[in-house]
């Protein structure tokens, strides 16, 4: 299982099949990411900050809904 290393570390989400650490607190979505799948961050109860960059097209929400940007 992947884990973030310290409180100040920012995990860079690259999309695809990348596994998001269960203990992640801060995430930066890479500018190459256009779609974030539904449940990509499910169960990440320590997540407090997500930084989105320009270019996002779709963010999966809940079970089967998707919100276009």
PDB file of N, CA and C in Angstrom:
ATOM      1  N   UNK A   1       0.847  -1.177   0.000  1.00  0.00           N
ATOM      2  CA  UNK A   1       0.000   0.000   0.000  1.00  0.00           C
ATOM      3  C   UNK A   1       0.894   1.242   0.000  1.00  0.00           C
ATOM      4  N   UNK A   2       0.576   2.206  -0.847  1.00  0.00           N
ATOM      5  CA  UNK A   2       1.345   3.444  -0.930  1.00  0.00           C
ATOM      6  C   UNK A   2       1.007   4.349   0.245  1.00  0.00           C
ATOM      7  N   UNK A   3       2.013   5.073   0.747  1.00  0.00           N
ATOM      8  CA  UNK A   3       1.795   5.991   1.854  1.00  0.00           C
ATOM      9  C   UNK A   3       2.524   7.298   1.608  1.00  0.00           C
ATOM     10  N   UNK A   4       1.915   8.410   2.034  1.00  0.00           N
ATOM     11  CA  UNK A   4       2.588   9.700   1.986  1.00  0.00           C
ATOM     12  C   UNK A   4       3.614   9.710   3.108  1.00  0.00           C
ATOM     13  N   UNK A   5       4.682  10.526   2.977  1.00  0.00           N
ATOM     14  CA  UNK A   5       5.764  10.436   3.936  1.00  0.00           C
ATOM     15  C   UNK A   5       5.677  11.401   5.102  1.00  0.00           C
ATOM     16  N   UNK A   6       5.306  12.652   4.887  1.00  0.00           N
ATOM     17  CA  UNK A   6       5.210  13.568   6.009  1.00  0.00           C
ATOM     18  C   UNK A   6       4.090  14.570   5.782  1.00  0.00           C
ATOM     19  N   UNK A   7       3.767  15.338   6.847  1.00  0.00           N
ATOM     20  CA  UNK A   7       2.623  16.246   6.810  1.00  0.00           C
ATOM     21  C   UNK A   7       2.725  17.330   5.759  1.00  0.00           C
ATOM     22  N   UNK A   8       3.939  17.761   5.404  1.00  0.00           N
ATOM     23  CA  UNK A   8       4.114  18.852   4.455  1.00  0.00           C
ATOM     24  C   UNK A   8       4.199  18.373   3.010  1.00  0.00           C
ATOM     25  N   UNK A   9       4.281  17.084   2.801  1.00  0.00           N
ATOM     26  CA  UNK A   9       4.427  16.530   1.465  1.00  0.00           C
ATOM     27  C   UNK A   9       3.134  16.688   0.663  1.00  0.00           C
ATOM     28  N   UNK A  10       3.288  17.081  -0.580  1.00  0.00           N
ATOM     29  CA  UNK A  10       2.151  17.180  -1.495  1.00  0.00           C
ATOM     30  C   UNK A  10       2.254  16.023  -2.482  1.00  0.00           C
ATOM     31  N   UNK A  11       1.223  15.211  -2.513  1.00  0.00           N
ATOM     32  CA  UNK A  11       1.159  14.087  -3.441  1.00  0.00           C
ATOM     33  C   UNK A  11       0.683  14.615  -4.786  1.00  0.00           C
ATOM     34  N   UNK A  12       1.433  14.338  -5.843  1.00  0.00           N
ATOM     35  CA  UNK A  12       1.043  14.778  -7.180  1.00  0.00           C
ATOM     36  C   UNK A  12       0.292  13.635  -7.866  1.00  0.00           C
ATOM     37  N   UNK A  13      -0.990  13.895  -8.125  1.00  0.00           N
ATOM     38  CA  UNK A  13      -1.842  12.904  -8.781  1.00  0.00           C
ATOM     39  C   UNK A  13      -1.660  13.009 -10.283  1.00  0.00           C
ATOM     40  N   UNK A  14      -1.211  11.901 -10.906  1.00  0.00           N
ATOM     41  CA  UNK A  14      -0.916  11.870 -12.336  1.00  0.00           C
ATOM     42  C   UNK A  14      -2.021  11.187 -13.147  1.00  0.00           C
ATOM     43  N   UNK A  15      -3.034  10.649 -12.462  1.00  0.00           N
ATOM     44  CA  UNK A  15      -4.135  10.004 -13.159  1.00  0.00           C
ATOM     45  C   UNK A  15      -3.839   8.567 -13.514  1.00  0.00           C
ATOM     46  N   UNK A  16      -4.649   8.035 -14.409  1.00  0.00           N
ATOM     47  CA  UNK A  16      -4.483   6.656 -14.848  1.00  0.00           C
ATOM     48  C   UNK A  16      -4.716   5.671 -13.726  1.00  0.00           C
ATOM     49  N   UNK A  17      -3.837   4.681 -13.621  1.00  0.00           N
ATOM     50  CA  UNK A  17      -3.958   3.631 -12.605  1.00  0.00           C
ATOM     51  C   UNK A  17      -3.171   3.948 -11.337  1.00  0.00           C
ATOM     52  N   UNK A  18      -2.747   5.198 -11.196  1.00  0.00           N
ATOM     53  CA  UNK A  18      -1.950   5.581 -10.033  1.00  0.00           C
ATOM     54  C   UNK A  18      -2.732   5.356  -8.738  1.00  0.00           C
ATOM     55  N   UNK A  19      -2.089   4.755  -7.759  1.00  0.00           N
ATOM     56  CA  UNK A  19      -2.708   4.507  -6.459  1.00  0.00           C
ATOM     57  C   UNK A  19      -2.443   5.709  -5.563  1.00  0.00           C
ATOM     58  N   UNK A  20      -3.516   6.267  -5.009  1.00  0.00           N
ATOM     59  CA  UNK A  20      -3.411   7.401  -4.097  1.00  0.00           C
ATOM     60  C   UNK A  20      -3.190   6.852  -2.692  1.00  0.00           C
ATOM     61  N   UNK A  21      -2.161   7.333  -1.991  1.00  0.00           N
ATOM     62  CA  UNK A  21      -1.895   6.824  -0.640  1.00  0.00           C
ATOM     63  C   UNK A  21      -3.104   6.995   0.286  1.00  0.00           C
ATOM     64  N   UNK A  22      -3.351   6.007   1.129  1.00  0.00           N
ATOM     65  CA  UNK A  22      -4.491   6.066   2.048  1.00  0.00           C
ATOM     66  C   UNK A  22      -4.351   7.186   3.068  1.00  0.00           C
ATOM     67  N   UNK A  23      -3.113   7.558   3.427  1.00  0.00           N
ATOM     68  CA  UNK A  23      -2.900   8.574   4.450  1.00  0.00           C
ATOM     69  C   UNK A  23      -2.587   9.953   3.866  1.00  0.00           C
ATOM     70  N   UNK A  24      -2.885  10.159   2.588  1.00  0.00           N
ATOM     71  CA  UNK A  24      -2.581  11.424   1.926  1.00  0.00           C
ATOM     72  C   UNK A  24      -3.351  12.574   2.580  1.00  0.00           C
ATOM     73  N   UNK A  25      -2.667  13.732   2.717  1.00  0.00           N
ATOM     74  CA  UNK A  25      -3.307  14.920   3.286  1.00  0.00           C
ATOM     75  C   UNK A  25      -3.456  16.031   2.254  1.00  0.00           C
ATOM     76  N   UNK A  26      -2.471  16.145   1.364  1.00  0.00           N
ATOM     77  CA  UNK A  26      -2.489  17.217   0.366  1.00  0.00           C
ATOM     78  C   UNK A  26      -2.215  16.630  -1.014  1.00  0.00           C
ATOM     79  N   UNK A  27      -3.022  17.051  -2.000  1.00  0.00           N
ATOM     80  CA  UNK A  27      -2.890  16.541  -3.360  1.00  0.00           C
ATOM     81  C   UNK A  27      -2.829  17.698  -4.338  1.00  0.00           C
ATOM     82  N   UNK A  28      -1.950  17.592  -5.316  1.00  0.00           N
ATOM     83  CA  UNK A  28      -1.924  18.512  -6.450  1.00  0.00           C
ATOM     84  C   UNK A  28      -2.231  17.673  -7.682  1.00  0.00           C
ATOM     85  N   UNK A  29      -3.247  18.086  -8.429  1.00  0.00           N
ATOM     86  CA  UNK A  29      -3.603  17.380  -9.659  1.00  0.00           C
ATOM     87  C   UNK A  29      -2.689  17.871 -10.765  1.00  0.00           C
ATOM     88  N   UNK A  30      -1.932  16.963 -11.373  1.00  0.00           N
ATOM     89  CA  UNK A  30      -1.012  17.332 -12.439  1.00  0.00           C
ATOM     90  C   UNK A  30      -1.762  17.962 -13.605  1.00  0.00           C
ATOM     91  N   UNK A  31      -1.118  18.905 -14.278  1.00  0.00           N
ATOM     92  CA  UNK A  31      -1.768  19.619 -15.379  1.00  0.00           C
ATOM     93  C   UNK A  31      -2.116  18.710 -16.558  1.00  0.00           C
ATOM     94  N   UNK A  32      -1.522  17.533 -16.634  1.00  0.00           N
ATOM     95  CA  UNK A  32      -1.831  16.595 -17.719  1.00  0.00           C
ATOM     96  C   UNK A  32      -3.146  15.856 -17.486  1.00  0.00           C
ATOM     97  N   UNK A  33      -3.660  15.891 -16.260  1.00  0.00           N
ATOM     98  CA  UNK A  33      -4.882  15.159 -15.920  1.00  0.00           C
ATOM     99  C   UNK A  33      -6.104  15.934 -16.410  1.00  0.00           C
ATOM    100  N   UNK A  34      -6.914  15.285 -17.210  1.00  0.00           N
ATOM    101  CA  UNK A  34      -8.143  15.895 -17.743  1.00  0.00           C
ATOM    102  C   UNK A  34      -9.384  15.343 -17.068  1.00  0.00           C
ATOM    103  N   UNK A  35      -9.303  14.095 -16.598  1.00  0.00           N
ATOM    104  CA  UNK A  35     -10.440  13.428 -15.968  1.00  0.00           C
ATOM    105  C   UNK A  35      -9.955  12.723 -14.700  1.00  0.00           C
ATOM    106  N   UNK A  36     -10.706  12.917 -13.610  1.00  0.00           N
ATOM    107  CA  UNK A  36     -10.443  12.180 -12.374  1.00  0.00           C
ATOM    108  C   UNK A  36     -11.597  11.192 -12.204  1.00  0.00           C
ATOM    109  N   UNK A  37     -11.280   9.905 -12.165  1.00  0.00           N
ATOM    110  CA  UNK A  37     -12.341   8.903 -12.068  1.00  0.00           C
ATOM    111  C   UNK A  37     -13.133   8.994 -10.764  1.00  0.00           C
ATOM    112  N   UNK A  38     -14.370   8.553 -10.825  1.00  0.00           N
ATOM    113  CA  UNK A  38     -15.198   8.427  -9.637  1.00  0.00           C
ATOM    114  C   UNK A  38     -14.462   7.563  -8.621  1.00  0.00           C
ATOM    115  N   UNK A  39     -14.481   7.993  -7.382  1.00  0.00           N
ATOM    116  CA  UNK A  39     -13.881   7.280  -6.250  1.00  0.00           C
ATOM    117  C   UNK A  39     -12.360   7.284  -6.232  1.00  0.00           C
ATOM    118  N   UNK A  40     -11.702   8.132  -7.012  1.00  0.00           N
ATOM    119  CA  UNK A  40     -10.239   8.170  -7.033  1.00  0.00           C
ATOM    120  C   UNK A  40      -9.656   8.444  -5.655  1.00  0.00           C
ATOM    121  N   UNK A  41     -10.382   9.214  -4.834  1.00  0.00           N
ATOM    122  CA  UNK A  41      -9.891   9.562  -3.501  1.00  0.00           C
ATOM    123  C   UNK A  41     -10.773   8.981  -2.392  1.00  0.00           C
ATOM    124  N   UNK A  42     -11.577   8.008  -2.731  1.00  0.00           N
ATOM    125  CA  UNK A  42     -12.473   7.391  -1.752  1.00  0.00           C
ATOM    126  C   UNK A  42     -11.677   6.784  -0.607  1.00  0.00           C
ATOM    127  N   UNK A  43     -12.144   7.009   0.613  1.00  0.00           N
ATOM    128  CA  UNK A  43     -11.506   6.437   1.789  1.00  0.00           C
ATOM    129  C   UNK A  43     -10.300   7.201   2.296  1.00  0.00           C
ATOM    130  N   UNK A  44      -9.947   8.288   1.621  1.00  0.00           N
ATOM    131  CA  UNK A  44      -8.787   9.095   2.046  1.00  0.00           C
ATOM    132  C   UNK A  44      -9.279  10.110   3.082  1.00  0.00           C
ATOM    133  N   UNK A  45      -9.504   9.634   4.296  1.00  0.00           N
ATOM    134  CA  UNK A  45     -10.139  10.428   5.343  1.00  0.00           C
ATOM    135  C   UNK A  45      -9.262  11.546   5.889  1.00  0.00           C
ATOM    136  N   UNK A  46      -7.970  11.509   5.622  1.00  0.00           N
ATOM    137  CA  UNK A  46      -7.055  12.566   6.088  1.00  0.00           C
ATOM    138  C   UNK A  46      -6.875  13.682   5.064  1.00  0.00           C
ATOM    139  N   UNK A  47      -7.470  13.534   3.888  1.00  0.00           N
ATOM    140  CA  UNK A  47      -7.315  14.513   2.818  1.00  0.00           C
ATOM    141  C   UNK A  47      -7.938  15.848   3.211  1.00  0.00           C
ATOM    142  N   UNK A  48      -7.104  16.915   3.213  1.00  0.00           N
ATOM    143  CA  UNK A  48      -7.586  18.237   3.617  1.00  0.00           C
ATOM    144  C   UNK A  48      -7.433  19.292   2.530  1.00  0.00           C
ATOM    145  N   UNK A  49      -6.641  19.006   1.485  1.00  0.00           N
ATOM    146  CA  UNK A  49      -6.386  20.028   0.476  1.00  0.00           C
ATOM    147  C   UNK A  49      -6.138  19.386  -0.887  1.00  0.00           C
ATOM    148  N   UNK A  50      -6.861  19.868  -1.908  1.00  0.00           N
ATOM    149  CA  UNK A  50      -6.649  19.409  -3.282  1.00  0.00           C
ATOM    150  C   UNK A  50      -6.481  20.636  -4.157  1.00  0.00           C
ATOM    151  N   UNK A  51      -5.361  20.697  -4.880  1.00  0.00           N
ATOM    152  CA  UNK A  51      -5.075  21.821  -5.772  1.00  0.00           C
ATOM    153  C   UNK A  51      -5.315  21.388  -7.219  1.00  0.00           C
ATOM    154  N   UNK A  52      -6.271  22.063  -7.871  1.00  0.00           N
ATOM    155  CA  UNK A  52      -6.584  21.790  -9.274  1.00  0.00           C
ATOM    156  C   UNK A  52      -5.890  22.822 -10.144  1.00  0.00           C
ATOM    157  N   UNK A  53      -5.356  22.398 -11.285  1.00  0.00           N
ATOM    158  CA  UNK A  53      -4.749  23.304 -12.247  1.00  0.00           C
ATOM    159  C   UNK A  53      -5.674  23.436 -13.446  1.00  0.00           C
ATOM    160  N   UNK A  54      -5.432  24.407 -14.297  1.00  0.00           N
ATOM    161  CA  UNK A  54      -6.238  24.589 -15.506  1.00  0.00           C
ATOM    162  C   UNK A  54      -6.202  23.331 -16.370  1.00  0.00           C
ATOM    163  N   UNK A  55      -7.289  23.092 -17.074  1.00  0.00           N
ATOM    164  CA  UNK A  55      -7.342  21.980 -18.008  1.00  0.00           C
ATOM    165  C   UNK A  55      -8.255  20.852 -17.593  1.00  0.00           C
ATOM    166  N   UNK A  56      -8.752  20.880 -16.359  1.00  0.00           N
ATOM    167  CA  UNK A  56      -9.637  19.816 -15.886  1.00  0.00           C
ATOM    168  C   UNK A  56     -10.924  19.813 -16.716  1.00  0.00           C
ATOM    169  N   UNK A  57     -11.333  18.646 -17.170  1.00  0.00           N
ATOM    170  CA  UNK A  57     -12.530  18.505 -17.996  1.00  0.00           C
ATOM    171  C   UNK A  57     -13.679  17.833 -17.252  1.00  0.00           C
ATOM    172  N   UNK A  58     -13.358  16.840 -16.406  1.00  0.00           N
ATOM    173  CA  UNK A  58     -14.418  16.102 -15.728  1.00  0.00           C
ATOM    174  C   UNK A  58     -13.899  15.547 -14.401  1.00  0.00           C
ATOM    175  N   UNK A  59     -14.753  15.656 -13.382  1.00  0.00           N
ATOM    176  CA  UNK A  59     -14.448  15.118 -12.068  1.00  0.00           C
ATOM    177  C   UNK A  59     -15.552  14.151 -11.703  1.00  0.00           C
ATOM    178  N   UNK A  60     -15.193  12.895 -11.507  1.00  0.00           N
ATOM    179  CA  UNK A  60     -16.187  11.906 -11.110  1.00  0.00           C
ATOM    180  C   UNK A  60     -16.657  12.195  -9.698  1.00  0.00           C
ATOM    181  N   UNK A  61     -17.973  12.097  -9.477  1.00  0.00           N
ATOM    182  CA  UNK A  61     -18.551  12.408  -8.174  1.00  0.00           C
ATOM    183  C   UNK A  61     -19.479  11.273  -7.755  1.00  0.00           C
ATOM    184  N   UNK A  62     -19.428  10.894  -6.502  1.00  0.00           N
ATOM    185  CA  UNK A  62     -20.353   9.900  -5.967  1.00  0.00           C
ATOM    186  C   UNK A  62     -20.260   8.576  -6.680  1.00  0.00           C
ATOM    187  N   UNK A  63     -21.433   7.994  -6.949  1.00  0.00           N
ATOM    188  CA  UNK A  63     -21.448   6.648  -7.521  1.00  0.00           C
ATOM    189  C   UNK A  63     -21.439   6.627  -9.042  1.00  0.00           C
ATOM    190  N   UNK A  64     -22.297   7.431  -9.668  1.00  0.00           N
ATOM    191  CA  UNK A  64     -22.380   7.338 -11.123  1.00  0.00           C
ATOM    192  C   UNK A  64     -22.557   8.691 -11.793  1.00  0.00           C
ATOM    193  N   UNK A  65     -22.419   9.768 -11.036  1.00  0.00           N
ATOM    194  CA  UNK A  65     -22.582  11.102 -11.605  1.00  0.00           C
ATOM    195  C   UNK A  65     -21.222  11.678 -11.975  1.00  0.00           C
ATOM    196  N   UNK A  66     -21.188  12.602 -12.899  1.00  0.00           N
ATOM    197  CA  UNK A  66     -19.949  13.288 -13.265  1.00  0.00           C
ATOM    198  C   UNK A  66     -20.281  14.759 -13.487  1.00  0.00           C
ATOM    199  N   UNK A  67     -19.395  15.617 -13.026  1.00  0.00           N
ATOM    200  CA  UNK A  67     -19.610  17.059 -13.160  1.00  0.00           C
ATOM    201  C   UNK A  67     -18.626  17.631 -14.159  1.00  0.00           C
ATOM    202  N   UNK A  68     -19.086  18.168 -15.291  1.00  0.00           N
ATOM    203  CA  UNK A  68     -18.154  18.788 -16.246  1.00  0.00           C
ATOM    204  C   UNK A  68     -17.687  20.137 -15.715  1.00  0.00           C
ATOM    205  N   UNK A  69     -16.494  20.526 -16.107  1.00  0.00           N
ATOM    206  CA  UNK A  69     -15.953  21.837 -15.729  1.00  0.00           C
ATOM    207  C   UNK A  69     -16.066  22.778 -16.893  1.00  0.00           C
TER     208      UNK A  69
END
